[in-house]
Protein backbone atom coordinates (compact mmCIF):
# COMPACT_ATOMS: atom_id res chain seq x y z
CA MET A 1 8.43 -1.17 -12.37
CA LEU A 2 8.96 -0.60 -8.56
CA LYS A 3 6.38 -2.20 -6.30
CA PHE A 4 5.62 -2.06 -2.60
CA ILE A 5 5.21 -5.61 -1.32
CA ALA A 6 3.90 -6.72 2.11
CA LYS A 7 4.32 -10.00 3.93
CA ILE A 8 1.80 -10.40 6.68
CA LYS A 9 1.59 -12.67 9.70
CA SER A 10 -1.10 -13.00 12.29
CA ASP A 11 -1.54 -14.86 15.57
CA CYS A 12 -4.95 -13.35 16.23
CA ASN A 13 -7.90 -11.93 14.29
CA GLU A 14 -6.83 -13.96 11.21
CA ILE A 15 -10.30 -14.04 9.73
CA LYS A 16 -10.64 -10.24 9.90
CA ILE A 17 -7.12 -9.76 8.53
CA VAL A 18 -7.73 -12.14 5.64
CA LYS A 19 -10.92 -10.28 4.84
CA ILE A 20 -9.01 -6.95 4.63
CA ILE A 21 -6.39 -8.52 2.44
CA ARG A 22 -9.03 -10.06 0.19
CA ASP A 23 -10.84 -6.70 -0.18
CA PHE A 24 -7.53 -5.29 -1.50
CA SER A 25 -6.13 -8.19 -3.59
CA HIS A 26 -9.31 -10.05 -4.54
CA GLU A 27 -7.46 -13.34 -4.26
CA PRO A 28 -9.17 -16.51 -2.93
CA ILE A 29 -8.99 -16.86 0.87
CA GLY A 30 -7.10 -20.18 0.55
CA ILE A 31 -4.30 -18.54 -1.39
CA ILE A 32 -4.11 -15.61 1.02
CA LYS A 33 -3.84 -18.03 4.01
CA GLU A 34 -1.19 -20.07 2.18
CA LYS A 35 0.89 -16.94 1.43
CA MET A 36 0.65 -15.81 5.03
CA ALA A 37 1.66 -19.30 6.29
CA ASN A 38 4.61 -19.43 3.89
CA ASN A 39 5.71 -15.81 4.66
CA THR A 40 5.55 -14.80 1.05
CA SER A 41 4.23 -11.57 -0.55
CA VAL A 42 0.54 -11.27 0.37
CA VAL A 43 -0.31 -7.84 -1.10
CA GLU A 44 1.49 -5.46 -3.45
CA THR A 45 0.94 -2.23 -5.31
CA GLU A 46 2.81 -0.10 -7.81
CA TYR A 47 5.14 2.62 -6.55
CA LEU A 48 3.72 5.32 -8.91
CA ASN A 49 -0.05 4.77 -8.37
CA LEU A 50 -0.81 7.40 -5.69
CA GLU A 51 -4.45 6.49 -5.14
CA GLN A 52 -3.63 2.82 -4.87
CA LEU A 53 -0.73 3.58 -2.48
CA LYS A 54 -3.14 5.43 -0.17
CA VAL A 55 -5.51 2.43 -0.08
CA PHE A 56 -2.56 0.06 0.38
CA ARG A 57 -1.32 2.04 3.39
CA LYS A 58 -4.81 2.19 4.94
CA LYS A 59 -5.27 -1.56 4.57
CA LEU A 60 -1.88 -2.24 6.16
CA GLU A 61 -2.71 0.08 9.08
CA GLU A 62 -6.02 -1.74 9.63
CA ILE A 63 -4.12 -5.11 9.62
CA MET A 64 -1.64 -3.73 12.25
CA GLU A 65 -4.44 -2.40 14.40
CA LEU A 66 -5.81 -5.95 14.52
CA GLY A 67 -2.49 -7.35 15.67
CA GLY A 68 -1.09 -8.39 12.31
CA LYS A 69 2.60 -8.16 11.70
CA VAL A 70 3.57 -6.38 8.46
CA GLN A 71 6.95 -6.64 6.77
CA LEU A 72 7.10 -4.05 3.98
CA PHE A 73 9.41 -4.07 0.97
CA LEU A 74 10.16 -1.83 -1.97
CA ASP A 75 10.96 -4.55 -4.42
CA ASP A 76 13.66 -6.54 -2.46
CA GLU A 77 14.59 -3.88 0.11
CA ILE A 78 12.87 -3.74 3.55
CA VAL A 79 11.35 -0.39 4.21
CA SER A 80 9.15 1.15 6.94
CA MET A 81 5.59 2.35 7.01
CA GLN A 82 7.02 5.80 7.51
CA PHE A 83 8.90 5.41 4.20
CA LEU A 84 5.60 4.53 2.52
CA SER A 85 4.00 7.56 4.06
CA ASN A 86 6.83 9.75 2.84
CA VAL A 87 6.48 8.41 -0.70
CA ILE A 88 2.73 9.18 -0.62
CA GLU A 89 3.38 12.69 0.77
CA SER A 90 6.02 13.33 -1.89
CA GLN A 91 3.76 12.17 -4.70
CA GLU A 92 0.93 14.34 -3.37
CA ASP A 93 3.19 17.31 -3.27
CA THR A 94 4.29 16.71 -6.87
CA LYS A 95 0.73 16.28 -7.96
CA ASN A 96 -0.30 19.56 -6.26
CA GLN A 97 2.62 21.40 -7.82
CA ILE A 98 1.69 20.18 -11.28
CA GLU A 99 -1.90 21.11 -10.74
CA GLN A 100 -0.91 24.64 -9.70
CA VAL A 101 1.32 25.07 -12.75
CA ASP A 102 -1.44 23.82 -15.01
CA PHE A 103 -3.93 26.17 -13.34
CA TYR A 104 -1.69 29.19 -13.79
CA MET A 105 -0.84 28.29 -17.34
CA PHE A 106 -4.49 27.89 -18.13
CA ASP A 107 -5.36 31.09 -16.38
CA GLU A 108 -2.73 33.00 -18.42
CA GLU A 109 -4.24 31.86 -21.65
CA ASP A 110 -7.56 33.70 -20.91
């Protein structure tokens, strides 16, 4: 299954950044700090989980606002935050289209 993966580095606000990561991943602080220091995957989420993708993007944006450096991957390929946003938008559009079709199909049954 495809996953978005983020590597995160920070030269400032490390405590606040680690707290944001912990709120998302629920991993122990020591493990998060170790992953950041070793430049390995710190947080990840499934490609097809729309609600989790939205939370993932929000957390990454908060980290960047604090000065954290985010390197984003889709499995092994480097992607941009814009790509993540496009995936979310595409999934939202698909969800809305399905809901509209379901609504009209349900409405026709009456």
